[in-house]
Amino acid sequence: IYDYGFKAVVSSFFADIFSNNAMNNGLLPVVIPEGMLQKLLHLLQENPSTIIEISLENQLFVIPDTGDSARFEISPYRKQCLLKGLDDIDYLVSIRDRIIEFEQREMHDYEN
């Protein structure tokens, strides 16, 4: 899906394995209420060019034509990775200095 240019998918439910795999591949799964999903599907049938807005930073899904909006949940870790374009390894590399500090502090405490 991501390779076809999609950055997000929208539904009223995603299985955990799909959500985790999607986010591991840079794809944002957005969960909205069932009623809003049905309204969106109806709008898209009437006008396939209907625009939606998704703000990962604000965790907000909006249908500008109707004014409908919904907040969606995402873990702070996954949010940071998606915003910065990081996978799990890239994230660990980005906090390398903090990891080294922690290890040195733990080793120092262990030796004393």
C-alpha atoms as a PDB file:
ATOM      1  CA  ILE A   1       0.000   0.000   0.000  1.00  0.00           C
ATOM      2  CA  TYR A   2       2.786   2.421   0.968  1.00  0.00           C
ATOM      3  CA  ASP A   3       4.625   1.687  -2.287  1.00  0.00           C
ATOM      4  CA  TYR A   4       1.566   2.934  -4.204  1.00  0.00           C
ATOM      5  CA  GLY A   5       1.857   6.337  -2.498  1.00  0.00           C
ATOM      6  CA  PHE A   6      -0.585   5.869   0.352  1.00  0.00           C
ATOM      7  CA  LYS A   7       0.554   7.425   3.622  1.00  0.00           C
ATOM      8  CA  ALA A   8      -2.523   6.495   5.687  1.00  0.00           C
ATOM      9  CA  VAL A   9      -5.450   4.084   5.747  1.00  0.00           C
ATOM     10  CA  VAL A  10      -8.769   4.818   7.449  1.00  0.00           C
ATOM     11  CA  SER A  11     -11.218   2.401   9.044  1.00  0.00           C
ATOM     12  CA  SER A  12     -13.293   1.890  12.170  1.00  0.00           C
ATOM     13  CA  PHE A  13     -11.052  -1.014  13.234  1.00  0.00           C
ATOM     14  CA  PHE A  14      -7.682  -2.556  12.455  1.00  0.00           C
ATOM     15  CA  ALA A  15      -6.272  -5.808  13.808  1.00  0.00           C
ATOM     16  CA  ASP A  16      -3.179  -5.260  15.966  1.00  0.00           C
ATOM     17  CA  ILE A  17      -0.939  -7.173  13.585  1.00  0.00           C
ATOM     18  CA  PHE A  18      -2.029  -4.992  10.644  1.00  0.00           C
ATOM     19  CA  SER A  19      -1.551  -1.775  12.644  1.00  0.00           C
ATOM     20  CA  ASN A  20       1.922  -2.773  13.792  1.00  0.00           C
ATOM     21  CA  ASN A  21       3.013  -3.923  10.341  1.00  0.00           C
ATOM     22  CA  ALA A  22       1.591  -0.779   8.740  1.00  0.00           C
ATOM     23  CA  MET A  23       3.442   1.537  11.120  1.00  0.00           C
ATOM     24  CA  ASN A  24       6.644  -0.492  10.729  1.00  0.00           C
ATOM     25  CA  ASN A  25       6.350   0.290   7.016  1.00  0.00           C
ATOM     26  CA  GLY A  26       5.588   4.009   7.419  1.00  0.00           C
ATOM     27  CA  LEU A  27       1.819   3.708   6.903  1.00  0.00           C
ATOM     28  CA  LEU A  28      -0.515   5.411   9.406  1.00  0.00           C
ATOM     29  CA  PRO A  29      -3.637   3.398  10.354  1.00  0.00           C
ATOM     30  CA  VAL A  30      -6.339   5.899  11.410  1.00  0.00           C
ATOM     31  CA  VAL A  31      -9.271   4.570  13.421  1.00  0.00           C
ATOM     32  CA  ILE A  32     -12.437   6.692  13.262  1.00  0.00           C
ATOM     33  CA  PRO A  33     -15.946   6.026  14.623  1.00  0.00           C
ATOM     34  CA  GLU A  34     -18.111   3.679  12.524  1.00  0.00           C
ATOM     35  CA  GLY A  35     -20.708   6.408  11.847  1.00  0.00           C
ATOM     36  CA  MET A  36     -18.062   8.770  10.501  1.00  0.00           C
ATOM     37  CA  LEU A  37     -16.625   6.001   8.332  1.00  0.00           C
ATOM     38  CA  GLN A  38     -20.061   5.324   6.837  1.00  0.00           C
ATOM     39  CA  LYS A  39     -20.534   9.058   6.173  1.00  0.00           C
ATOM     40  CA  LEU A  40     -17.115   9.184   4.502  1.00  0.00           C
ATOM     41  CA  LEU A  41     -17.889   6.169   2.304  1.00  0.00           C
ATOM     42  CA  HIS A  42     -21.190   7.786   1.247  1.00  0.00           C
ATOM     43  CA  LEU A  43     -19.404  11.063   0.421  1.00  0.00           C
ATOM     44  CA  LEU A  44     -16.784   9.191  -1.606  1.00  0.00           C
ATOM     45  CA  GLN A  45     -19.471   7.381  -3.595  1.00  0.00           C
ATOM     46  CA  GLU A  46     -21.071  10.745  -4.439  1.00  0.00           C
ATOM     47  CA  ASN A  47     -17.757  12.479  -5.097  1.00  0.00           C
ATOM     48  CA  PRO A  48     -14.598  10.342  -5.392  1.00  0.00           C
ATOM     49  CA  SER A  49     -12.557  13.575  -5.210  1.00  0.00           C
ATOM     50  CA  THR A  50     -13.712  14.257  -1.646  1.00  0.00           C
ATOM     51  CA  ILE A  51     -10.797  15.566   0.373  1.00  0.00           C
ATOM     52  CA  ILE A  52      -9.940  14.433   3.870  1.00  0.00           C
ATOM     53  CA  GLU A  53      -7.265  15.833   6.144  1.00  0.00           C
ATOM     54  CA  ILE A  54      -5.195  13.786   8.550  1.00  0.00           C
ATOM     55  CA  SER A  55      -2.895  15.492  11.019  1.00  0.00           C
ATOM     56  CA  LEU A  56      -0.574  13.019  12.685  1.00  0.00           C
ATOM     57  CA  GLU A  57       0.925  15.791  14.789  1.00  0.00           C
ATOM     58  CA  ASN A  58      -2.516  16.757  16.182  1.00  0.00           C
ATOM     59  CA  GLN A  59      -3.906  13.215  15.892  1.00  0.00           C
ATOM     60  CA  LEU A  60      -6.932  14.570  14.063  1.00  0.00           C
ATOM     61  CA  PHE A  61      -8.997  13.278  11.118  1.00  0.00           C
ATOM     62  CA  VAL A  62     -11.165  15.900   9.348  1.00  0.00           C
ATOM     63  CA  ILE A  63     -13.688  15.920   6.510  1.00  0.00           C
ATOM     64  CA  PRO A  64     -13.538  19.616   5.508  1.00  0.00           C
ATOM     65  CA  ASP A  65     -16.729  19.523   3.371  1.00  0.00           C
ATOM     66  CA  THR A  66     -18.858  18.456   6.347  1.00  0.00           C
ATOM     67  CA  GLY A  67     -16.822  19.807   9.248  1.00  0.00           C
ATOM     68  CA  ASP A  68     -16.777  16.345  10.818  1.00  0.00           C
ATOM     69  CA  SER A  69     -13.649  15.500  12.777  1.00  0.00           C
ATOM     70  CA  ALA A  70     -12.359  12.798  15.084  1.00  0.00           C
ATOM     71  CA  ARG A  71      -9.257  12.357  17.183  1.00  0.00           C
ATOM     72  CA  PHE A  72      -7.334   9.126  16.757  1.00  0.00           C
ATOM     73  CA  GLU A  73      -4.924   7.349  19.092  1.00  0.00           C
ATOM     74  CA  ILE A  74      -1.317   6.448  18.427  1.00  0.00           C
ATOM     75  CA  SER A  75       1.512   5.614  20.815  1.00  0.00           C
ATOM     76  CA  PRO A  76       3.984   8.476  21.373  1.00  0.00           C
ATOM     77  CA  TYR A  77       6.812   6.229  20.173  1.00  0.00           C
ATOM     78  CA  ARG A  78       5.067   5.311  16.902  1.00  0.00           C
ATOM     79  CA  LYS A  79       4.012   8.927  16.376  1.00  0.00           C
ATOM     80  CA  GLN A  80       7.593  10.159  16.747  1.00  0.00           C
ATOM     81  CA  CYS A  81       8.901   7.479  14.374  1.00  0.00           C
ATOM     82  CA  LEU A  82       6.308   8.271  11.693  1.00  0.00           C
ATOM     83  CA  LEU A  83       6.822  12.034  12.001  1.00  0.00           C
ATOM     84  CA  LYS A  84      10.582  11.650  11.654  1.00  0.00           C
ATOM     85  CA  GLY A  85      10.500   8.818   9.101  1.00  0.00           C
ATOM     86  CA  LEU A  86      12.319   6.426  11.438  1.00  0.00           C
ATOM     87  CA  ASP A  87      12.092   2.673  11.741  1.00  0.00           C
ATOM     88  CA  ASP A  88      12.994   0.917  14.996  1.00  0.00           C
ATOM     89  CA  ILE A  89      16.726   0.773  14.176  1.00  0.00           C
ATOM     90  CA  ASP A  90      16.852   4.403  13.033  1.00  0.00           C
ATOM     91  CA  TYR A  91      15.153   5.404  16.285  1.00  0.00           C
ATOM     92  CA  LEU A  92      17.742   3.571  18.382  1.00  0.00           C
ATOM     93  CA  VAL A  93      20.547   5.187  16.392  1.00  0.00           C
ATOM     94  CA  SER A  94      18.938   8.604  16.969  1.00  0.00           C
ATOM     95  CA  ILE A  95      19.104   8.132  20.753  1.00  0.00           C
ATOM     96  CA  ARG A  96      22.535   6.492  20.747  1.00  0.00           C
ATOM     97  CA  ASP A  97      24.067   9.123  23.048  1.00  0.00           C
ATOM     98  CA  ARG A  98      21.304   8.633  25.636  1.00  0.00           C
ATOM     99  CA  ILE A  99      21.809   4.863  25.510  1.00  0.00           C
ATOM    100  CA  ILE A 100      25.570   5.235  26.038  1.00  0.00           C
ATOM    101  CA  GLU A 101      24.998   7.608  28.975  1.00  0.00           C
ATOM    102  CA  PHE A 102      22.567   5.138  30.524  1.00  0.00           C
ATOM    103  CA  GLU A 103      24.958   2.217  30.090  1.00  0.00           C
ATOM    104  CA  GLN A 104      27.856   4.172  31.596  1.00  0.00           C
ATOM    105  CA  ARG A 105      25.720   5.280  34.544  1.00  0.00           C
ATOM    106  CA  GLU A 106      24.495   1.723  35.148  1.00  0.00           C
ATOM    107  CA  MET A 107      28.027   0.316  34.886  1.00  0.00           C
ATOM    108  CA  HIS A 108      29.273   2.959  37.325  1.00  0.00           C
ATOM    109  CA  ASP A 109      26.496   2.146  39.783  1.00  0.00           C
ATOM    110  CA  TYR A 110      27.201  -1.584  39.400  1.00  0.00           C
ATOM    111  CA  GLU A 111      30.912  -1.123  40.142  1.00  0.00           C
ATOM    112  CA  ASN A 112      30.196   0.868  43.305  1.00  0.00           C
END
